[in-house]
């Protein structure tokens, strides 16, 4: 029986195995978060809520049908922190860490899984990549936890409470999980710019992409910085990430100037806009009730959540490089160029095809989800669009309808969160199976387009 099971597993593609691992992580998370010791007394905890919360944690989304602060005990909070690591860093990163601890050799099969999970294109150096990712994320979380913990001594009565809140806030921000144990996200710190600034940095470090962090670390540690060359991925990702952050901030200020920001001083408006622009990309934390924004701003935020974070990061969505390649493709196509050149490099045709496939499938999937939810739920269209974009982008922001969703509605959001975490390409490859090479071709014929 064991031999038969192992042979079946070996026949699976890396994408199928990765999806299976994430399903296993959801199962383990459901069991851990359902333990009686994880809850406060008198908490009503059913199976669908357990699965929803577990998928939200593994996908580091933050959408929840229960109040985290009122539901989980201190033990439950630490279990939730543990689960967030699987979602944030990735199941293969955490799995590789345990494999190395027990002395297991990382073979070709494991390296293929790591390559799929981290969206890499080369098998070489993958184990070292995961070691650096683990080290960097843990260091960032510890530094963030200590910084916020010390600062929170002025907010909470005991040092234990201050550091628990500091650690959880650091892990939630770094993994872009969007969970909070204040019961009000970061609304209690809506005028504390230090907490907001630290949180924005943590969110950015988690969402900008692990390769970017590693290359930045190598640059800072390199004595010959003038000779250091950043990869094309880092250049495109950083530029797109920064432009989206600036674009979101400016647009929120303009759209809410005579609405939510009316009567506010400039620094209040700026930090509200900056934080929401940074967090909407995948962070899921908020310094205000986003339902107070106008419909136009909510649509803007939905678009930012749909785009999401960068590839090989803690976030979901179509990812920043997908957006960048789509824009570059349209620009060069309009100019009649046959190839796309940027930063003295030429983009591979396969990457252009992937970016278009990801965008088309994501739009179709979210469109179908919106239609299903409009039929099953009694909420406004903008509330449903916002919820769908938040789930797919693994962001976690909501207009307050998550706990009111029907069982069908919760299942739709669960599926979106899961696909948002594993990625569109992995999800498609899971369905399609192994890549096939055509051994014959038909005559080509042109088709009228546009």
Protein backbone atom coordinates (compact mmCIF):
# COMPACT_ATOMS: atom_id res chain seq x y z
CA UNK A 1 0.00 0.00 0.00
CA UNK A 2 2.82 2.42 0.92
CA UNK A 3 4.65 1.54 -2.31
CA UNK A 4 1.50 2.19 -4.37
CA UNK A 5 0.91 5.54 -2.64
CA UNK A 6 4.52 6.58 -3.16
CA UNK A 7 4.44 5.63 -6.84
CA UNK A 8 1.29 7.72 -7.34
CA UNK A 9 2.91 10.69 -5.61
CA UNK A 10 5.97 10.38 -7.86
CA UNK A 11 3.71 10.64 -10.91
CA UNK A 12 2.38 14.01 -9.79
CA UNK A 13 3.78 17.20 -11.28
CA UNK A 14 5.60 19.66 -8.96
CA UNK A 15 2.60 22.02 -9.19
CA UNK A 16 0.23 19.25 -8.13
CA UNK A 17 2.46 18.29 -5.20
CA UNK A 18 2.73 21.94 -4.08
CA UNK A 19 -1.05 22.31 -4.11
CA UNK A 20 -1.31 19.05 -2.15
CA UNK A 21 1.19 20.38 0.40
CA UNK A 22 -0.83 23.57 0.83
CA UNK A 23 -3.98 21.48 1.30
CA UNK A 24 -2.09 19.49 3.93
CA UNK A 25 -1.01 22.75 5.59
CA UNK A 26 -4.66 23.86 5.68
CA UNK A 27 -5.63 20.53 7.26
CA UNK A 28 -2.92 20.82 9.92
CA UNK A 29 -3.88 24.45 10.56
CA UNK A 30 -7.55 23.48 10.94
CA UNK A 31 -6.63 20.86 13.54
CA UNK A 32 -4.30 23.19 15.46
CA UNK A 33 -6.69 26.13 15.50
CA UNK A 34 -9.57 23.85 16.51
CA UNK A 35 -7.82 22.61 19.64
CA UNK A 36 -9.77 23.58 22.78
CA UNK A 37 -6.64 25.15 24.27
CA UNK A 38 -6.51 27.56 21.32
CA UNK A 39 -9.83 29.21 22.19
CA UNK A 40 -11.21 31.33 24.94
CA UNK A 41 -14.03 29.88 27.00
CA UNK A 42 -17.52 30.01 25.51
CA UNK A 43 -16.35 30.56 21.92
CA UNK A 44 -18.64 29.20 19.20
CA UNK A 45 -16.36 27.41 16.71
CA UNK A 46 -17.77 25.32 13.86
CA UNK A 47 -16.13 23.40 11.02
CA UNK A 48 -16.69 25.90 8.18
CA UNK A 49 -15.36 28.73 10.37
CA UNK A 50 -12.32 26.60 11.23
CA UNK A 51 -11.59 25.85 7.56
CA UNK A 52 -12.19 29.48 6.55
CA UNK A 53 -9.82 30.80 9.23
CA UNK A 54 -7.19 28.15 8.41
CA UNK A 55 -7.25 28.90 4.68
CA UNK A 56 -7.09 32.61 5.48
CA UNK A 57 -4.06 32.01 7.72
CA UNK A 58 -2.22 29.66 5.34
CA UNK A 59 -2.90 32.02 2.43
CA UNK A 60 -1.97 34.95 4.74
CA UNK A 61 -5.12 36.78 3.72
CA UNK A 62 -6.61 37.92 7.00
CA UNK A 63 -10.28 37.67 6.07
CA UNK A 64 -12.02 36.06 9.01
CA UNK A 65 -15.54 35.16 10.03
CA UNK A 66 -14.63 35.45 13.72
CA UNK A 67 -13.04 38.16 15.83
CA UNK A 68 -9.44 37.04 16.38
CA UNK A 69 -9.04 38.93 19.65
CA UNK A 70 -12.25 37.53 21.13
CA UNK A 71 -11.79 33.98 19.79
CA UNK A 72 -8.19 32.90 20.40
CA UNK A 73 -6.40 32.43 23.71
CA UNK A 74 -2.73 33.27 24.17
CA UNK A 75 -1.87 29.72 23.10
CA UNK A 76 -4.12 30.14 20.08
CA UNK A 77 -2.33 33.37 19.15
CA UNK A 78 1.05 31.61 19.14
CA UNK A 79 -0.42 28.73 17.11
CA UNK A 80 -1.74 31.30 14.64
CA UNK A 81 1.74 32.86 14.42
CA UNK A 82 3.14 29.40 13.62
CA UNK A 83 0.56 28.84 10.87
CA UNK A 84 1.27 32.26 9.35
CA UNK A 85 4.89 31.20 8.77
CA UNK A 86 3.72 28.39 6.45
CA UNK A 87 1.68 30.82 4.42
CA UNK A 88 4.10 33.72 4.46
CA UNK A 89 7.42 32.01 3.78
CA UNK A 90 5.88 29.08 1.88
CA UNK A 91 5.37 25.43 2.71
CA UNK A 92 8.54 24.38 0.90
CA UNK A 93 10.68 26.89 2.78
CA UNK A 94 9.40 25.67 6.14
CA UNK A 95 9.54 22.05 4.96
CA UNK A 96 13.13 22.43 3.76
CA UNK A 97 14.07 23.87 7.15
CA UNK A 98 12.78 20.74 8.90
CA UNK A 99 14.41 18.48 6.29
CA UNK A 100 17.76 20.12 6.95
CA UNK A 101 17.27 19.75 10.72
CA UNK A 102 16.79 15.99 10.42
CA UNK A 103 19.65 15.66 7.94
CA UNK A 104 17.53 14.77 4.89
CA UNK A 105 19.24 15.21 1.54
CA UNK A 106 17.54 17.74 -0.72
CA UNK A 107 17.25 15.85 -4.01
CA UNK A 108 16.07 16.75 -7.50
CA UNK A 109 12.38 16.19 -6.68
CA UNK A 110 12.56 18.49 -3.66
CA UNK A 111 14.41 21.14 -5.67
CA UNK A 112 11.73 21.05 -8.36
CA UNK A 113 9.11 21.61 -5.66
CA UNK A 114 11.07 24.54 -4.23
CA UNK A 115 11.44 26.02 -7.72
CA UNK A 116 7.67 25.79 -8.28
CA UNK A 117 6.75 27.17 -4.86
CA UNK A 118 9.11 30.14 -5.12
CA UNK A 119 8.42 30.89 -8.83
CA UNK A 120 12.04 30.28 -9.77
CA UNK A 121 13.30 29.28 -13.23
CA UNK A 122 16.62 27.66 -12.24
CA UNK A 123 17.33 24.61 -10.10
CA UNK A 124 20.74 25.80 -8.94
CA UNK A 125 21.13 27.54 -5.58
CA UNK A 126 17.57 26.84 -4.39
CA UNK A 127 18.50 25.45 -0.97
CA UNK A 128 20.74 28.44 -0.29
CA UNK A 129 17.90 30.71 -1.48
CA UNK A 130 15.49 29.21 1.07
CA UNK A 131 18.07 29.47 3.84
CA UNK A 132 18.47 33.17 3.11
CA UNK A 133 14.68 33.68 2.90
CA UNK A 134 14.14 32.00 6.27
CA UNK A 135 16.96 33.94 7.90
CA UNK A 136 15.86 37.30 6.49
CA UNK A 137 12.17 36.91 7.34
CA UNK A 138 12.89 35.69 10.89
CA UNK A 139 15.33 38.56 11.48
CA UNK A 140 12.82 41.08 10.12
CA UNK A 141 10.04 39.65 12.31
CA UNK A 142 12.22 39.65 15.43
CA UNK A 143 13.47 43.21 14.90
CA UNK A 144 9.92 44.37 14.15
CA UNK A 145 8.56 42.50 17.18
CA UNK A 146 11.15 43.98 19.54
CA UNK A 147 10.71 47.50 18.13
CA UNK A 148 6.93 47.43 18.40
CA UNK A 149 7.01 45.53 21.70
CA UNK A 150 9.17 48.19 23.37
CA UNK A 151 7.03 50.95 21.89
CA UNK A 152 3.81 49.24 23.00
CA UNK A 153 4.96 49.44 26.64
CA UNK A 154 3.33 52.86 26.55
CA UNK A 155 0.02 51.34 25.39
CA UNK A 156 -0.38 48.19 27.49
CA UNK A 157 -0.27 47.61 31.24
CA UNK A 158 2.20 44.68 31.32
CA UNK A 159 5.34 44.00 29.34
CA UNK A 160 4.05 40.52 28.44
CA UNK A 161 0.97 41.99 26.78
CA UNK A 162 3.03 44.67 25.02
CA UNK A 163 5.48 42.18 23.53
CA UNK A 164 2.79 39.68 22.51
CA UNK A 165 1.03 42.49 20.63
CA UNK A 166 4.36 43.64 19.21
CA UNK A 167 5.36 40.16 18.01
CA UNK A 168 1.96 39.38 16.50
CA UNK A 169 1.78 42.79 14.77
CA UNK A 170 5.29 42.24 13.35
CA UNK A 171 4.54 38.72 12.07
CA UNK A 172 1.15 39.77 10.68
CA UNK A 173 2.66 42.76 8.86
CA UNK A 174 5.76 40.94 7.54
CA UNK A 175 3.75 38.00 6.25
CA UNK A 176 1.09 40.42 4.99
CA UNK A 177 -1.44 38.31 6.90
CA UNK A 178 -3.81 41.10 7.91
CA UNK A 179 -4.77 39.42 11.19
CA UNK A 180 -4.87 41.52 14.35
CA UNK A 181 -5.40 40.92 18.05
CA UNK A 182 -6.53 44.44 18.87
CA UNK A 183 -10.03 43.72 17.60
CA UNK A 184 -9.86 46.92 15.53
CA UNK A 185 -6.90 46.32 13.21
CA UNK A 186 -4.62 49.41 13.54
CA UNK A 187 -7.44 51.90 14.10
CA UNK A 188 -6.22 52.48 17.70
CA UNK A 189 -2.96 53.75 16.11
CA UNK A 190 -4.61 55.93 13.46
CA UNK A 191 -2.68 58.96 14.73
CA UNK A 192 0.47 57.14 15.77
CA UNK A 193 2.73 57.64 12.77
CA UNK A 194 5.61 55.65 14.26
CA UNK A 195 3.55 52.46 14.44
CA UNK A 196 2.23 53.11 10.93
CA UNK A 197 5.70 53.78 9.52
CA UNK A 198 7.17 50.60 11.04
CA UNK A 199 4.18 48.57 9.81
CA UNK A 200 4.53 49.98 6.27
CA UNK A 201 8.21 48.96 6.22
CA UNK A 202 7.36 45.44 7.43
CA UNK A 203 4.54 45.08 4.89
CA UNK A 204 6.83 46.26 2.08
CA UNK A 205 9.62 43.88 3.06
CA UNK A 206 7.22 40.96 2.95
CA UNK A 207 5.49 41.97 -0.28
CA UNK A 208 8.31 43.25 -2.47
CA UNK A 209 9.71 39.78 -3.13
CA UNK A 210 12.33 37.58 -1.47
CA UNK A 211 14.84 37.87 -4.36
CA UNK A 212 14.72 41.67 -4.01
CA UNK A 213 15.48 41.42 -0.29
CA UNK A 214 18.38 39.04 -0.93
CA UNK A 215 19.88 41.19 -3.68
CA UNK A 216 19.52 44.30 -1.50
CA UNK A 217 21.25 42.48 1.36
CA UNK A 218 24.09 41.42 -0.98
CA UNK A 219 24.40 45.01 -2.24
CA UNK A 220 24.64 46.45 1.28
CA UNK A 221 27.23 43.83 2.30
CA UNK A 222 29.29 44.24 -0.88
CA UNK A 223 32.37 46.43 -0.49
CA UNK A 224 32.43 47.09 -4.24
CA UNK A 225 28.88 48.42 -4.56
CA UNK A 226 29.63 50.29 -7.77
CA UNK A 227 30.20 46.94 -9.52
CA UNK A 228 27.04 45.31 -8.13
CA UNK A 229 24.39 44.55 -10.73
CA UNK A 230 20.75 44.11 -9.80
CA UNK A 231 18.72 41.57 -11.77
CA UNK A 232 16.02 42.60 -14.23
CA UNK A 233 13.43 41.10 -11.87
CA UNK A 234 14.56 43.34 -9.01
CA UNK A 235 14.58 46.45 -11.20
CA UNK A 236 11.10 45.85 -12.64
CA UNK A 237 9.63 44.76 -9.29
CA UNK A 238 11.03 47.67 -7.29
CA UNK A 239 10.02 50.27 -9.89
CA UNK A 240 6.50 48.85 -10.27
CA UNK A 241 6.05 48.45 -6.51
CA UNK A 242 7.13 52.04 -5.86
CA UNK A 243 4.98 53.45 -8.66
CA UNK A 244 1.91 51.60 -7.40
CA UNK A 245 2.51 52.83 -3.85
CA UNK A 246 2.84 56.43 -5.07
CA UNK A 247 -0.10 56.11 -7.47
CA UNK A 248 -2.36 54.66 -4.76
CA UNK A 249 -1.43 57.37 -2.27
CA UNK A 250 -1.98 60.25 -4.69
CA UNK A 251 -5.26 58.84 -6.03
CA UNK A 252 -6.70 58.22 -2.55
CA UNK A 253 -5.87 61.80 -1.56
CA UNK A 254 -7.49 63.19 -4.71
CA UNK A 255 -10.60 61.00 -4.52
CA UNK A 256 -11.18 61.63 -0.81
CA UNK A 257 -10.10 65.27 -0.67
CA UNK A 258 -13.68 66.53 -0.36
CA UNK A 259 -15.01 63.36 1.27
CA UNK A 260 -13.25 61.44 4.06
CA UNK A 261 -10.28 63.84 4.21
CA UNK A 262 -12.47 66.92 4.36
CA UNK A 263 -11.38 69.11 7.28
CA UNK A 264 -8.22 67.07 8.03
CA UNK A 265 -4.76 68.57 8.26
CA UNK A 266 -2.33 67.53 5.50
CA UNK A 267 -0.34 64.99 7.51
CA UNK A 268 -3.49 63.14 8.61
CA UNK A 269 -4.69 62.84 5.02
CA UNK A 270 -1.24 61.83 3.81
CA UNK A 271 -0.71 59.04 6.35
CA UNK A 272 -4.24 57.71 5.94
CA UNK A 273 -3.68 57.55 2.17
CA UNK A 274 -0.11 56.21 2.39
CA UNK A 275 -0.96 53.46 4.84
CA UNK A 276 -4.06 52.32 2.96
CA UNK A 277 -2.12 52.35 -0.33
CA UNK A 278 0.67 50.21 1.17
CA UNK A 279 -1.61 47.86 3.08
CA UNK A 280 -4.15 47.39 0.29
CA UNK A 281 -1.54 45.75 -1.92
CA UNK A 282 -1.54 42.67 0.34
CA UNK A 283 -1.11 43.75 3.97
CA UNK A 284 -4.76 43.83 4.98
CA UNK A 285 -4.29 46.06 8.03
CA UNK A 286 -6.07 49.41 8.20
CA UNK A 287 -5.97 52.58 10.26
CA UNK A 288 -9.61 53.38 9.55
CA UNK A 289 -12.91 51.81 8.58
CA UNK A 290 -12.46 51.51 4.80
CA UNK A 291 -16.26 51.46 4.42
CA UNK A 292 -16.10 55.22 5.03
CA UNK A 293 -14.35 55.69 1.68
CA UNK A 294 -16.34 56.67 -1.40
CA UNK A 295 -17.30 54.09 -4.03
CA UNK A 296 -14.66 55.38 -6.46
CA UNK A 297 -11.93 54.90 -3.85
CA UNK A 298 -13.19 51.42 -2.99
CA UNK A 299 -12.95 50.49 -6.68
CA UNK A 300 -9.40 51.86 -6.75
CA UNK A 301 -8.49 49.78 -3.68
CA UNK A 302 -10.10 46.72 -5.29
CA UNK A 303 -7.83 47.22 -8.29
CA UNK A 304 -4.74 47.50 -6.09
CA UNK A 305 -5.73 44.33 -4.21
CA UNK A 306 -6.27 42.51 -7.52
CA UNK A 307 -2.71 43.44 -8.56
CA UNK A 308 -1.34 42.35 -5.18
CA UNK A 309 2.29 41.91 -4.20
CA UNK A 310 5.39 40.73 -6.09
CA UNK A 311 6.18 37.17 -7.20
CA UNK A 312 8.12 35.01 -4.73
CA UNK A 313 6.77 37.02 -1.81
CA UNK A 314 4.17 36.59 0.91
CA UNK A 315 1.37 38.21 -1.13
CA UNK A 316 -1.15 37.15 -3.75
CA UNK A 317 -2.91 38.76 -6.70
CA UNK A 318 -1.71 38.75 -10.31
CA UNK A 319 1.59 40.19 -8.97
CA UNK A 320 3.51 43.35 -9.86
CA UNK A 321 5.66 41.89 -12.64
CA UNK A 322 2.53 40.62 -14.39
CA UNK A 323 1.13 44.15 -14.46
CA UNK A 324 4.48 45.56 -15.60
CA UNK A 325 4.83 43.09 -18.47
CA UNK A 326 1.23 43.70 -19.57
CA UNK A 327 1.84 47.45 -19.70
CA UNK A 328 5.16 47.00 -21.53
CA UNK A 329 3.54 44.61 -24.00
CA UNK A 330 0.73 47.06 -24.81
CA UNK A 331 3.18 49.96 -25.12
CA UNK A 332 5.58 48.14 -27.45
CA UNK A 333 2.74 46.56 -29.46
CA UNK A 334 1.20 49.99 -30.03
CA UNK A 335 4.56 51.21 -31.33
CA UNK A 336 4.86 48.24 -33.69
CA UNK A 337 7.79 46.64 -31.87
CA UNK A 338 8.16 42.88 -32.21
CA UNK A 339 10.17 42.54 -28.99
CA UNK A 340 10.04 44.13 -25.55
CA UNK A 341 13.27 45.73 -24.34
CA UNK A 342 13.70 47.29 -20.89
CA UNK A 343 16.80 48.13 -18.81
CA UNK A 344 19.00 46.95 -21.71
CA UNK A 345 17.43 43.50 -21.56
CA UNK A 346 14.91 41.72 -23.77
CA UNK A 347 11.88 40.07 -22.17
CA UNK A 348 11.40 36.39 -22.98
CA UNK A 349 8.28 35.63 -25.05
CA UNK A 350 7.26 32.88 -22.62
CA UNK A 351 7.10 35.41 -19.78
CA UNK A 352 4.84 37.69 -21.84
CA UNK A 353 2.50 34.77 -22.54
CA UNK A 354 2.46 33.83 -18.85
CA UNK A 355 1.61 37.38 -17.79
CA UNK A 356 -1.32 37.53 -20.24
CA UNK A 357 -2.57 34.09 -19.17
CA UNK A 358 -2.42 35.01 -15.49
CA UNK A 359 -4.32 38.26 -16.08
CA UNK A 360 -7.03 36.72 -18.27
CA UNK A 361 -7.64 33.77 -15.94
CA UNK A 362 -7.65 36.02 -12.86
CA UNK A 363 -10.17 38.43 -14.41
CA UNK A 364 -12.41 35.55 -15.50
CA UNK A 365 -12.19 33.83 -12.12
CA UNK A 366 -12.98 37.00 -10.15
CA UNK A 367 -15.79 37.88 -12.58
CA UNK A 368 -17.43 34.47 -12.09
CA UNK A 369 -16.96 34.76 -8.31
CA UNK A 370 -18.70 38.16 -8.28
CA UNK A 371 -21.62 36.73 -10.24
CA UNK A 372 -21.98 33.77 -7.85
CA UNK A 373 -21.85 36.01 -4.78
CA UNK A 374 -24.42 38.43 -6.21
CA UNK A 375 -26.77 35.45 -6.50
CA UNK A 376 -26.03 33.92 -3.08
CA UNK A 377 -25.52 37.04 -0.92
CA UNK A 378 -27.65 40.06 -0.06
CA UNK A 379 -24.94 42.69 -0.28
CA UNK A 380 -24.19 45.58 -2.62
CA UNK A 381 -22.11 45.04 -5.75
CA UNK A 382 -19.20 47.15 -4.48
CA UNK A 383 -19.09 45.16 -1.23
CA UNK A 384 -18.89 41.91 -3.19
CA UNK A 385 -16.27 43.21 -5.64
CA UNK A 386 -14.18 44.45 -2.73
CA UNK A 387 -14.46 41.09 -0.92
CA UNK A 388 -13.53 39.10 -4.03
CA UNK A 389 -10.52 41.31 -4.80
CA UNK A 390 -9.39 41.10 -1.17
CA UNK A 391 -9.61 37.30 -1.18
CA UNK A 392 -7.80 36.85 -4.50
CA UNK A 393 -5.12 39.36 -3.55
CA UNK A 394 -4.79 37.63 -0.14
CA UNK A 395 -5.20 41.08 1.39
CA UNK A 396 -7.81 40.64 4.10
CA UNK A 397 -9.57 44.01 3.99
CA UNK A 398 -13.36 43.86 4.10
CA UNK A 399 -16.37 46.12 4.18
CA UNK A 400 -17.74 44.02 7.02
CA UNK A 401 -19.59 41.32 5.11
CA UNK A 402 -17.23 38.34 5.67
CA UNK A 403 -18.97 37.03 8.78
CA UNK A 404 -22.37 37.43 7.09
CA UNK A 405 -21.55 35.28 4.06
CA UNK A 406 -23.56 32.14 3.40
CA UNK A 407 -21.85 28.74 3.33
CA UNK A 408 -21.62 28.96 -0.48
CA UNK A 409 -20.20 32.47 -0.23
CA UNK A 410 -17.58 31.33 2.28
CA UNK A 411 -16.60 28.43 -0.01
CA UNK A 412 -16.11 30.83 -2.94
CA UNK A 413 -13.89 33.10 -0.83
CA UNK A 414 -11.97 30.08 0.51
CA UNK A 415 -11.21 28.96 -3.07
CA UNK A 416 -10.12 32.47 -4.08
CA UNK A 417 -7.80 32.79 -1.07
CA UNK A 418 -6.26 29.39 -1.78
CA UNK A 419 -5.69 30.09 -5.49
CA UNK A 420 -4.37 33.55 -4.64
CA UNK A 421 -1.73 31.97 -2.42
CA UNK A 422 -0.58 29.07 -4.60
CA UNK A 423 -0.71 31.26 -7.71
CA UNK A 424 -2.65 31.13 -10.96
CA UNK A 425 0.10 29.31 -12.84
CA UNK A 426 0.51 26.59 -10.21
CA UNK A 427 -3.26 26.17 -10.12
CA UNK A 428 -3.44 25.83 -13.92
CA UNK A 429 -0.49 23.43 -14.05
CA UNK A 430 -2.15 21.38 -11.32
CA UNK A 431 -5.20 20.93 -13.55
CA UNK A 432 -3.32 20.56 -16.83
CA UNK A 433 -0.72 18.06 -15.64
CA UNK A 434 2.75 17.71 -17.12
CA UNK A 435 4.05 19.99 -19.84
CA UNK A 436 3.83 18.36 -23.25
CA UNK A 437 6.02 18.93 -26.29
CA UNK A 438 4.20 18.77 -29.62
CA UNK A 439 5.66 16.19 -32.04
CA UNK A 440 3.71 17.52 -35.02
CA UNK A 441 2.35 20.85 -36.31
CA UNK A 442 -0.52 21.92 -38.58
CA UNK A 443 -0.22 24.62 -41.24
CA UNK A 444 -0.49 28.09 -39.70
CA UNK A 445 -3.32 30.44 -40.64
CA UNK A 446 -3.95 34.03 -39.60
CA UNK A 447 -7.11 35.03 -37.68
CA UNK A 448 -8.64 38.53 -37.83
CA UNK A 449 -8.24 40.25 -34.44
CA UNK A 450 -9.77 43.50 -33.15
